[in-house]
Amino acid sequence: MPRSARQHSISGMYHVTARGAGRRVIFEDDDDRALFVDKLKTVCLDRQVSILAWCLMDNHYHLLLKGELDAISSAMGRVNTSLAHRYNGKYGHVGPVLQNRFSSTPIEREAHFLEVVRYIHLNPKDRGDANFRDYAWSSYREYVGTRGICDTDFVLGVFGGKEQFVDFHDASDGAMHAPATKPVRSRVSDAEAREIAIAAFGDDFADKITAMSRVERNEALRRLNGASVSVRQLQRLTGIGRGVIQSAVKGTSER
């Protein structure tokens, strides 16, 4: 079956991810991680691609990149090829290292952008590292301390400054609404709506939202609706009735 064409982002921003084949570990040690980051920096600089956020986990990685789609595709092709060659040579592995090609989800609204930045930096919490602030292999510390490979000026400009950046990440329980945003596009596609939900609540967002108390659930629905996910899209994504969602996003209690 032929590969589907990648979706183009008007904003030039993409949430890029890749995972080890069969969920295999692809970063065995810090040397593997350091070489990946160095390669990413070099290739993105060469292809004029801006790195806005990143996080390396044991068996996958997340990146937020900005640039021309062809340049990003070329850069990630080189980065992933380098990763695979090094892994196979170092560990004597034979066969694919990564599961399929990397994924790239367009980001067209600031609310989506903010959620993805936070989602990337909070990834260590999924494996039990509660203090994501001290995790060595993400870009979070570039924004609160030492400069690294990210265009921090661009990202902090969107957040409104370092204090707002930190506050938004600290509100990782979802109790805080995204800062005021302006649309890049008036509507989001179903694929983008799903990505927004995943960025806000994780891959199992539907189960999490439906298991919440009514107050928490309504807050979650309002949060997603505020990020331009429509009532109909929320209904399809969560399975919650349309009337309940409409009442929630209006801030009223359902009858």
C-alpha atoms as a PDB file:
ATOM      1  CA  MET A   1       0.000   0.000   0.000  1.00  0.00           C
ATOM      2  CA  PRO A   2       1.463   3.405  -0.960  1.00  0.00           C
ATOM      3  CA  ARG A   3       2.320   5.841   1.796  1.00  0.00           C
ATOM      4  CA  SER A   4      -0.112   8.671   2.377  1.00  0.00           C
ATOM      5  CA  ALA A   5       1.177  12.162   1.671  1.00  0.00           C
ATOM      6  CA  ARG A   6       2.214  14.195   4.686  1.00  0.00           C
ATOM      7  CA  GLN A   7      -0.130  17.005   5.675  1.00  0.00           C
ATOM      8  CA  HIS A   8       1.273  20.479   5.125  1.00  0.00           C
ATOM      9  CA  SER A   9       1.226  22.984   7.985  1.00  0.00           C
ATOM     10  CA  ILE A  10       0.406  26.598   7.176  1.00  0.00           C
ATOM     11  CA  SER A  11       2.290  27.668  10.305  1.00  0.00           C
ATOM     12  CA  GLY A  12       5.322  25.532   9.401  1.00  0.00           C
ATOM     13  CA  MET A  13       5.213  23.760  12.769  1.00  0.00           C
ATOM     14  CA  TYR A  14       5.018  19.989  13.231  1.00  0.00           C
ATOM     15  CA  HIS A  15       4.910  17.584  16.160  1.00  0.00           C
ATOM     16  CA  VAL A  16       7.345  14.872  15.058  1.00  0.00           C
ATOM     17  CA  THR A  17       7.579  11.468  16.721  1.00  0.00           C
ATOM     18  CA  ALA A  18       9.215   8.101  16.103  1.00  0.00           C
ATOM     19  CA  ARG A  19       9.188   4.856  18.073  1.00  0.00           C
ATOM     20  CA  GLY A  20      11.345   1.756  18.177  1.00  0.00           C
ATOM     21  CA  ALA A  21      10.118  -1.204  16.129  1.00  0.00           C
ATOM     22  CA  GLY A  22       8.021  -3.412  18.375  1.00  0.00           C
ATOM     23  CA  ARG A  23       8.442  -0.711  21.036  1.00  0.00           C
ATOM     24  CA  ARG A  24      12.106  -1.707  21.289  1.00  0.00           C
ATOM     25  CA  VAL A  25      14.445   0.538  23.289  1.00  0.00           C
ATOM     26  CA  ILE A  26      16.362   2.786  20.868  1.00  0.00           C
ATOM     27  CA  PHE A  27      18.398   4.784  23.405  1.00  0.00           C
ATOM     28  CA  GLU A  28      20.292   2.317  25.585  1.00  0.00           C
ATOM     29  CA  ASP A  29      22.524   4.842  27.341  1.00  0.00           C
ATOM     30  CA  ASP A  30      23.342   8.532  27.621  1.00  0.00           C
ATOM     31  CA  ASP A  31      25.951   8.240  24.881  1.00  0.00           C
ATOM     32  CA  ASP A  32      23.198   7.188  22.452  1.00  0.00           C
ATOM     33  CA  ARG A  33      21.069  10.135  23.541  1.00  0.00           C
ATOM     34  CA  ALA A  34      23.874  12.679  23.340  1.00  0.00           C
ATOM     35  CA  LEU A  35      24.846  11.593  19.831  1.00  0.00           C
ATOM     36  CA  PHE A  36      21.218  11.779  18.696  1.00  0.00           C
ATOM     37  CA  VAL A  37      20.835  15.327  20.034  1.00  0.00           C
ATOM     38  CA  ASP A  38      24.108  16.388  18.420  1.00  0.00           C
ATOM     39  CA  LYS A  39      23.059  14.903  15.068  1.00  0.00           C
ATOM     40  CA  LEU A  40      19.641  16.533  15.321  1.00  0.00           C
ATOM     41  CA  LYS A  41      21.211  19.923  15.994  1.00  0.00           C
ATOM     42  CA  THR A  42      23.669  19.638  13.099  1.00  0.00           C
ATOM     43  CA  VAL A  43      21.168  18.393  10.528  1.00  0.00           C
ATOM     44  CA  CYS A  44      18.437  20.882  11.463  1.00  0.00           C
ATOM     45  CA  LEU A  45      20.913  23.744  11.255  1.00  0.00           C
ATOM     46  CA  ASP A  46      21.984  22.540   7.813  1.00  0.00           C
ATOM     47  CA  ARG A  47      18.361  22.235   6.623  1.00  0.00           C
ATOM     48  CA  GLN A  48      17.262  25.536   8.219  1.00  0.00           C
ATOM     49  CA  VAL A  49      14.815  23.794  10.533  1.00  0.00           C
ATOM     50  CA  SER A  50      14.162  25.296  13.968  1.00  0.00           C
ATOM     51  CA  ILE A  51      13.963  23.011  16.994  1.00  0.00           C
ATOM     52  CA  LEU A  52      11.329  24.289  19.415  1.00  0.00           C
ATOM     53  CA  ALA A  53      11.047  21.403  21.895  1.00  0.00           C
ATOM     54  CA  TRP A  54      12.307  17.845  22.281  1.00  0.00           C
ATOM     55  CA  CYS A  55      12.255  14.866  24.615  1.00  0.00           C
ATOM     56  CA  LEU A  56      14.004  11.504  24.362  1.00  0.00           C
ATOM     57  CA  MET A  57      12.475   8.503  26.104  1.00  0.00           C
ATOM     58  CA  ASP A  58      13.894   4.969  26.080  1.00  0.00           C
ATOM     59  CA  ASN A  59      11.927   3.702  23.082  1.00  0.00           C
ATOM     60  CA  HIS A  60      10.673   6.862  21.356  1.00  0.00           C
ATOM     61  CA  TYR A  61      11.190  10.570  20.944  1.00  0.00           C
ATOM     62  CA  HIS A  62       9.114  13.717  20.520  1.00  0.00           C
ATOM     63  CA  LEU A  63      10.170  16.837  18.627  1.00  0.00           C
ATOM     64  CA  LEU A  64       8.509  20.141  17.839  1.00  0.00           C
ATOM     65  CA  LEU A  65      10.009  21.497  14.632  1.00  0.00           C
ATOM     66  CA  LYS A  66       9.435  24.563  12.489  1.00  0.00           C
ATOM     67  CA  GLY A  67      10.404  24.822   8.843  1.00  0.00           C
ATOM     68  CA  GLU A  68       9.538  23.786   5.312  1.00  0.00           C
ATOM     69  CA  LEU A  69       8.011  20.303   5.178  1.00  0.00           C
ATOM     70  CA  ASP A  70      10.542  19.076   2.597  1.00  0.00           C
ATOM     71  CA  ALA A  71      13.396  20.321   4.772  1.00  0.00           C
ATOM     72  CA  ILE A  72      11.969  18.623   7.859  1.00  0.00           C
ATOM     73  CA  SER A  73      11.446  15.357   5.963  1.00  0.00           C
ATOM     74  CA  SER A  74      15.018  15.474   4.677  1.00  0.00           C
ATOM     75  CA  ALA A  75      16.409  16.304   8.113  1.00  0.00           C
ATOM     76  CA  MET A  76      14.506  13.533   9.875  1.00  0.00           C
ATOM     77  CA  GLY A  77      15.475  11.042   7.189  1.00  0.00           C
ATOM     78  CA  ARG A  78      19.133  11.764   7.910  1.00  0.00           C
ATOM     79  CA  VAL A  79      18.663  11.733  11.685  1.00  0.00           C
ATOM     80  CA  ASN A  80      16.773   8.435  11.726  1.00  0.00           C
ATOM     81  CA  THR A  81      19.148   6.768   9.273  1.00  0.00           C
ATOM     82  CA  SER A  82      22.069   7.786  11.476  1.00  0.00           C
ATOM     83  CA  LEU A  83      20.282   6.468  14.566  1.00  0.00           C
ATOM     84  CA  ALA A  84      19.533   3.111  12.907  1.00  0.00           C
ATOM     85  CA  HIS A  85      23.053   2.625  11.525  1.00  0.00           C
ATOM     86  CA  ARG A  86      24.630   3.426  14.865  1.00  0.00           C
ATOM     87  CA  TYR A  87      22.230   1.177  16.784  1.00  0.00           C
ATOM     88  CA  ASN A  88      22.772  -1.786  14.462  1.00  0.00           C
ATOM     89  CA  GLY A  89      26.531  -1.355  14.501  1.00  0.00           C
ATOM     90  CA  LYS A  90      26.867  -0.820  18.247  1.00  0.00           C
ATOM     91  CA  TYR A  91      24.458  -3.507  19.420  1.00  0.00           C
ATOM     92  CA  GLY A  92      24.724  -6.070  16.625  1.00  0.00           C
ATOM     93  CA  HIS A  93      21.059  -5.740  15.752  1.00  0.00           C
ATOM     94  CA  VAL A  94      19.753  -6.863  12.352  1.00  0.00           C
ATOM     95  CA  GLY A  95      16.552  -5.441  10.913  1.00  0.00           C
ATOM     96  CA  PRO A  96      14.479  -2.281  11.293  1.00  0.00           C
ATOM     97  CA  VAL A  97      15.232  -0.157  14.332  1.00  0.00           C
ATOM     98  CA  LEU A  98      12.306   2.242  14.051  1.00  0.00           C
ATOM     99  CA  GLN A  99       8.637   1.415  13.643  1.00  0.00           C
ATOM    100  CA  ASN A 100       7.608   2.762  10.240  1.00  0.00           C
ATOM    101  CA  ARG A 101       8.567   6.283   9.223  1.00  0.00           C
ATOM    102  CA  PHE A 102       8.386   9.200  11.611  1.00  0.00           C
ATOM    103  CA  SER A 103       5.013  10.860  12.124  1.00  0.00           C
ATOM    104  CA  SER A 104       4.493  14.591  11.620  1.00  0.00           C
ATOM    105  CA  THR A 105       1.334  16.303  12.840  1.00  0.00           C
ATOM    106  CA  PRO A 106       0.736  19.885  11.642  1.00  0.00           C
ATOM    107  CA  ILE A 107       0.131  22.527  14.303  1.00  0.00           C
ATOM    108  CA  GLU A 108      -2.094  25.374  13.175  1.00  0.00           C
ATOM    109  CA  ARG A 109      -3.258  27.075  16.367  1.00  0.00           C
ATOM    110  CA  GLU A 110      -1.446  28.563  19.322  1.00  0.00           C
ATOM    111  CA  ALA A 111      -3.549  26.580  21.795  1.00  0.00           C
ATOM    112  CA  HIS A 112      -2.432  23.353  20.113  1.00  0.00           C
ATOM    113  CA  PHE A 113       1.149  24.616  20.081  1.00  0.00           C
ATOM    114  CA  LEU A 114       1.102  25.336  23.827  1.00  0.00           C
ATOM    115  CA  GLU A 115      -0.334  21.920  24.641  1.00  0.00           C
ATOM    116  CA  VAL A 116       2.247  20.109  22.504  1.00  0.00           C
ATOM    117  CA  VAL A 117       5.157  21.957  24.118  1.00  0.00           C
ATOM    118  CA  ARG A 118       3.876  20.955  27.552  1.00  0.00           C
ATOM    119  CA  TYR A 119       3.060  17.394  26.476  1.00  0.00           C
ATOM    120  CA  ILE A 120       6.599  16.905  25.167  1.00  0.00           C
ATOM    121  CA  HIS A 121       8.187  18.162  28.368  1.00  0.00           C
ATOM    122  CA  LEU A 122       5.848  16.141  30.597  1.00  0.00           C
ATOM    123  CA  ASN A 123       6.586  12.848  28.826  1.00  0.00           C
ATOM    124  CA  PRO A 124       8.948  11.644  31.598  1.00  0.00           C
ATOM    125  CA  LYS A 125       5.967  11.562  33.980  1.00  0.00           C
ATOM    126  CA  ASP A 126       4.511   8.674  31.969  1.00  0.00           C
ATOM    127  CA  ARG A 127       7.363   6.437  33.103  1.00  0.00           C
ATOM    128  CA  GLY A 128       7.190   7.566  36.713  1.00  0.00           C
ATOM    129  CA  ASP A 129       9.639  10.491  36.680  1.00  0.00           C
ATOM    130  CA  ALA A 130       7.364  12.908  38.510  1.00  0.00           C
ATOM    131  CA  ASN A 131       9.899  15.737  38.492  1.00  0.00           C
ATOM    132  CA  PHE A 132      10.048  16.408  34.774  1.00  0.00           C
ATOM    133  CA  ARG A 133      11.911  19.658  35.521  1.00  0.00           C
ATOM    134  CA  ASP A 134      15.125  17.766  36.287  1.00  0.00           C
ATOM    135  CA  TYR A 135      14.896  15.258  33.441  1.00  0.00           C
ATOM    136  CA  ALA A 136      18.186  15.495  31.548  1.00  0.00           C
ATOM    137  CA  TRP A 137      16.945  14.535  28.089  1.00  0.00           C
ATOM    138  CA  SER A 138      14.311  17.116  27.268  1.00  0.00           C
ATOM    139  CA  SER A 139      14.414  20.778  26.343  1.00  0.00           C
ATOM    140  CA  TYR A 140      12.577  21.967  29.464  1.00  0.00           C
ATOM    141  CA  ARG A 141      15.793  23.033  31.185  1.00  0.00           C
ATOM    142  CA  GLU A 142      16.784  25.085  28.139  1.00  0.00           C
ATOM    143  CA  TYR A 143      13.809  27.327  28.879  1.00  0.00           C
ATOM    144  CA  VAL A 144      14.560  27.853  32.548  1.00  0.00           C
ATOM    145  CA  GLY A 145      18.351  27.725  32.565  1.00  0.00           C
ATOM    146  CA  THR A 146      21.136  26.782  30.176  1.00  0.00           C
ATOM    147  CA  ARG A 147      20.829  27.454  26.459  1.00  0.00           C
ATOM    148  CA  GLY A 148      20.809  24.409  24.206  1.00  0.00           C
ATOM    149  CA  ILE A 149      19.549  23.558  20.733  1.00  0.00           C
ATOM    150  CA  CYS A 150      16.090  25.176  20.851  1.00  0.00           C
ATOM    151  CA  ASP A 151      14.843  28.504  19.566  1.00  0.00           C
ATOM    152  CA  THR A 152      13.738  29.500  23.051  1.00  0.00           C
ATOM    153  CA  ASP A 153      13.077  33.129  22.119  1.00  0.00           C
ATOM    154  CA  PHE A 154      10.336  32.094  19.695  1.00  0.00           C
ATOM    155  CA  VAL A 155       8.634  29.749  22.150  1.00  0.00           C
ATOM    156  CA  LEU A 156       8.837  32.084  25.141  1.00  0.00           C
ATOM    157  CA  GLY A 157       7.429  34.819  22.937  1.00  0.00           C
ATOM    158  CA  VAL A 158       4.335  32.705  22.295  1.00  0.00           C
ATOM    159  CA  PHE A 159       3.932  31.909  25.991  1.00  0.00           C
ATOM    160  CA  GLY A 160       4.455  35.533  26.975  1.00  0.00           C
ATOM    161  CA  GLY A 161       7.659  34.982  28.939  1.00  0.00           C
ATOM    162  CA  LYS A 162       9.503  32.507  31.142  1.00  0.00           C
ATOM    163  CA  GLU A 163       7.158  32.907  34.113  1.00  0.00           C
ATOM    164  CA  GLN A 164       4.109  32.037  32.020  1.00  0.00           C
ATOM    165  CA  PHE A 165       6.002  29.101  30.495  1.00  0.00           C
ATOM    166  CA  VAL A 166       6.799  27.671  33.935  1.00  0.00           C
ATOM    167  CA  ASP A 167       3.286  28.295  35.280  1.00  0.00           C
ATOM    168  CA  PHE A 168       1.688  26.538  32.313  1.00  0.00           C
ATOM    169  CA  HIS A 169       3.881  23.474  32.811  1.00  0.00           C
ATOM    170  CA  ASP A 170       3.247  23.454  36.551  1.00  0.00           C
ATOM    171  CA  ALA A 171      -0.491  23.334  35.815  1.00  0.00           C
ATOM    172  CA  SER A 172      -0.009  19.880  34.300  1.00  0.00           C
ATOM    173  CA  ASP A 173      -3.056  18.526  36.111  1.00  0.00           C
ATOM    174  CA  GLY A 174      -5.142  20.299  33.501  1.00  0.00           C
ATOM    175  CA  ALA A 175      -6.709  22.747  35.943  1.00  0.00           C
ATOM    176  CA  MET A 176      -5.292  25.741  34.129  1.00  0.00           C
ATOM    177  CA  HIS A 177      -6.586  27.019  30.819  1.00  0.00           C
ATOM    178  CA  ALA A 178      -4.137  27.824  28.062  1.00  0.00           C
ATOM    179  CA  PRO A 179      -3.029  31.456  27.893  1.00  0.00           C
ATOM    180  CA  ALA A 180      -5.074  33.685  25.613  1.00  0.00           C
ATOM    181  CA  THR A 181      -4.448  32.632  22.027  1.00  0.00           C
ATOM    182  CA  LYS A 182      -5.186  33.843  18.553  1.00  0.00           C
ATOM    183  CA  PRO A 183      -6.158  31.482  15.738  1.00  0.00           C
ATOM    184  CA  VAL A 184      -3.953  30.697  12.803  1.00  0.00           C
ATOM    185  CA  ARG A 185      -6.878  28.917  11.183  1.00  0.00           C
ATOM    186  CA  SER A 186     -10.540  29.023  12.161  1.00  0.00           C
ATOM    187  CA  ARG A 187     -11.073  25.242  12.264  1.00  0.00           C
ATOM    188  CA  VAL A 188      -9.013  22.156  12.990  1.00  0.00           C
ATOM    189  CA  SER A 189      -9.293  18.826  11.219  1.00  0.00           C
ATOM    190  CA  ASP A 190     -10.324  15.633  13.008  1.00  0.00           C
ATOM    191  CA  ALA A 191      -6.682  14.504  12.981  1.00  0.00           C
ATOM    192  CA  GLU A 192      -5.594  17.779  14.566  1.00  0.00           C
ATOM    193  CA  ALA A 193      -8.420  17.545  17.104  1.00  0.00           C
ATOM    194  CA  ARG A 194      -7.186  14.097  18.140  1.00  0.00           C
ATOM    195  CA  GLU A 195      -3.625  15.395  18.416  1.00  0.00           C
ATOM    196  CA  ILE A 196      -4.798  18.270  20.625  1.00  0.00           C
ATOM    197  CA  ALA A 197      -6.604  15.811  22.901  1.00  0.00           C
ATOM    198  CA  ILE A 198      -3.556  13.530  23.090  1.00  0.00           C
ATOM    199  CA  ALA A 199      -1.289  16.478  23.833  1.00  0.00           C
ATOM    200  CA  ALA A 200      -3.586  17.588  26.646  1.00  0.00           C
ATOM    201  CA  PHE A 201      -4.469  14.252  28.267  1.00  0.00           C
ATOM    202  CA  GLY A 202      -2.355  11.477  26.716  1.00  0.00           C
ATOM    203  CA  ASP A 203      -3.087   8.631  24.308  1.00  0.00           C
ATOM    204  CA  ASP A 204      -5.933   7.330  26.485  1.00  0.00           C
ATOM    205  CA  PHE A 205      -7.620  10.727  26.675  1.00  0.00           C
ATOM    206  CA  ALA A 206     -11.117   9.332  26.048  1.00  0.00           C
ATOM    207  CA  ASP A 207     -10.900   6.870  28.946  1.00  0.00           C
ATOM    208  CA  LYS A 208      -9.424   9.527  31.227  1.00  0.00           C
ATOM    209  CA  ILE A 209     -12.084  12.111  30.443  1.00  0.00           C
ATOM    210  CA  THR A 210     -15.032   9.736  30.778  1.00  0.00           C
ATOM    211  CA  ALA A 211     -13.678   8.471  34.121  1.00  0.00           C
ATOM    212  CA  MET A 212     -13.441  11.986  35.581  1.00  0.00           C
ATOM    213  CA  SER A 213     -15.909  13.520  37.980  1.00  0.00           C
ATOM    214  CA  ARG A 214     -18.523  15.724  36.307  1.00  0.00           C
ATOM    215  CA  VAL A 215     -16.713  18.923  37.274  1.00  0.00           C
ATOM    216  CA  GLU A 216     -13.345  17.654  36.034  1.00  0.00           C
ATOM    217  CA  ARG A 217     -14.888  16.237  32.864  1.00  0.00           C
ATOM    218  CA  ASN A 218     -16.623  19.504  32.015  1.00  0.00           C
ATOM    219  CA  GLU A 219     -13.407  21.424  32.632  1.00  0.00           C
ATOM    220  CA  ALA A 220     -11.568  19.042  30.290  1.00  0.00           C
ATOM    221  CA  LEU A 221     -14.224  19.454  27.591  1.00  0.00           C
ATOM    222  CA  ARG A 222     -14.112  23.245  27.897  1.00  0.00           C
ATOM    223  CA  ARG A 223     -10.341  23.146  27.681  1.00  0.00           C
ATOM    224  CA  LEU A 224     -10.412  21.156  24.441  1.00  0.00           C
ATOM    225  CA  ASN A 225     -13.196  23.274  23.001  1.00  0.00           C
ATOM    226  CA  GLY A 226     -11.130  26.364  23.816  1.00  0.00           C
ATOM    227  CA  ALA A 227      -8.354  24.840  21.707  1.00  0.00           C
ATOM    228  CA  SER A 228     -10.771  24.823  18.725  1.00  0.00           C
ATOM    229  CA  VAL A 229     -11.994  21.232  19.018  1.00  0.00           C
ATOM    230  CA  SER A 230     -15.666  21.453  18.045  1.00  0.00           C
ATOM    231  CA  VAL A 231     -18.578  19.924  19.939  1.00  0.00           C
ATOM    232  CA  ARG A 232     -19.093  17.339  17.187  1.00  0.00           C
ATOM    233  CA  GLN A 233     -15.406  16.432  17.243  1.00  0.00           C
ATOM    234  CA  LEU A 234     -15.509  16.071  21.029  1.00  0.00           C
ATOM    235  CA  GLN A 235     -18.494  13.765  20.665  1.00  0.00           C
ATOM    236  CA  ARG A 236     -16.669  11.573  18.140  1.00  0.00           C
ATOM    237  CA  LEU A 237     -13.442  11.535  20.137  1.00  0.00           C
ATOM    238  CA  THR A 238     -14.882  10.817  23.584  1.00  0.00           C
ATOM    239  CA  GLY A 239     -18.225   9.124  22.953  1.00  0.00           C
ATOM    240  CA  ILE A 240     -19.876  11.600  25.325  1.00  0.00           C
ATOM    241  CA  GLY A 241     -23.330  12.803  24.300  1.00  0.00           C
ATOM    242  CA  ARG A 242     -23.593  16.020  22.344  1.00  0.00           C
ATOM    243  CA  GLY A 243     -26.006  17.611  24.811  1.00  0.00           C
ATOM    244  CA  VAL A 244     -23.658  16.962  27.722  1.00  0.00           C
ATOM    245  CA  ILE A 245     -20.754  18.484  25.801  1.00  0.00           C
ATOM    246  CA  GLN A 246     -22.775  21.547  24.786  1.00  0.00           C
ATOM    247  CA  SER A 247     -23.757  22.163  28.402  1.00  0.00           C
ATOM    248  CA  ALA A 248     -20.159  21.699  29.527  1.00  0.00           C
ATOM    249  CA  VAL A 249     -18.622  24.130  27.051  1.00  0.00           C
ATOM    250  CA  LYS A 250     -21.246  26.741  27.925  1.00  0.00           C
ATOM    251  CA  GLY A 251     -20.294  26.384  31.571  1.00  0.00           C
ATOM    252  CA  THR A 252     -23.696  25.094  32.648  1.00  0.00           C
ATOM    253  CA  SER A 253     -24.577  21.860  34.400  1.00  0.00           C
ATOM    254  CA  GLU A 254     -26.414  19.262  32.365  1.00  0.00           C
ATOM    255  CA  ARG A 255     -29.986  18.426  33.256  1.00  0.00           C
END
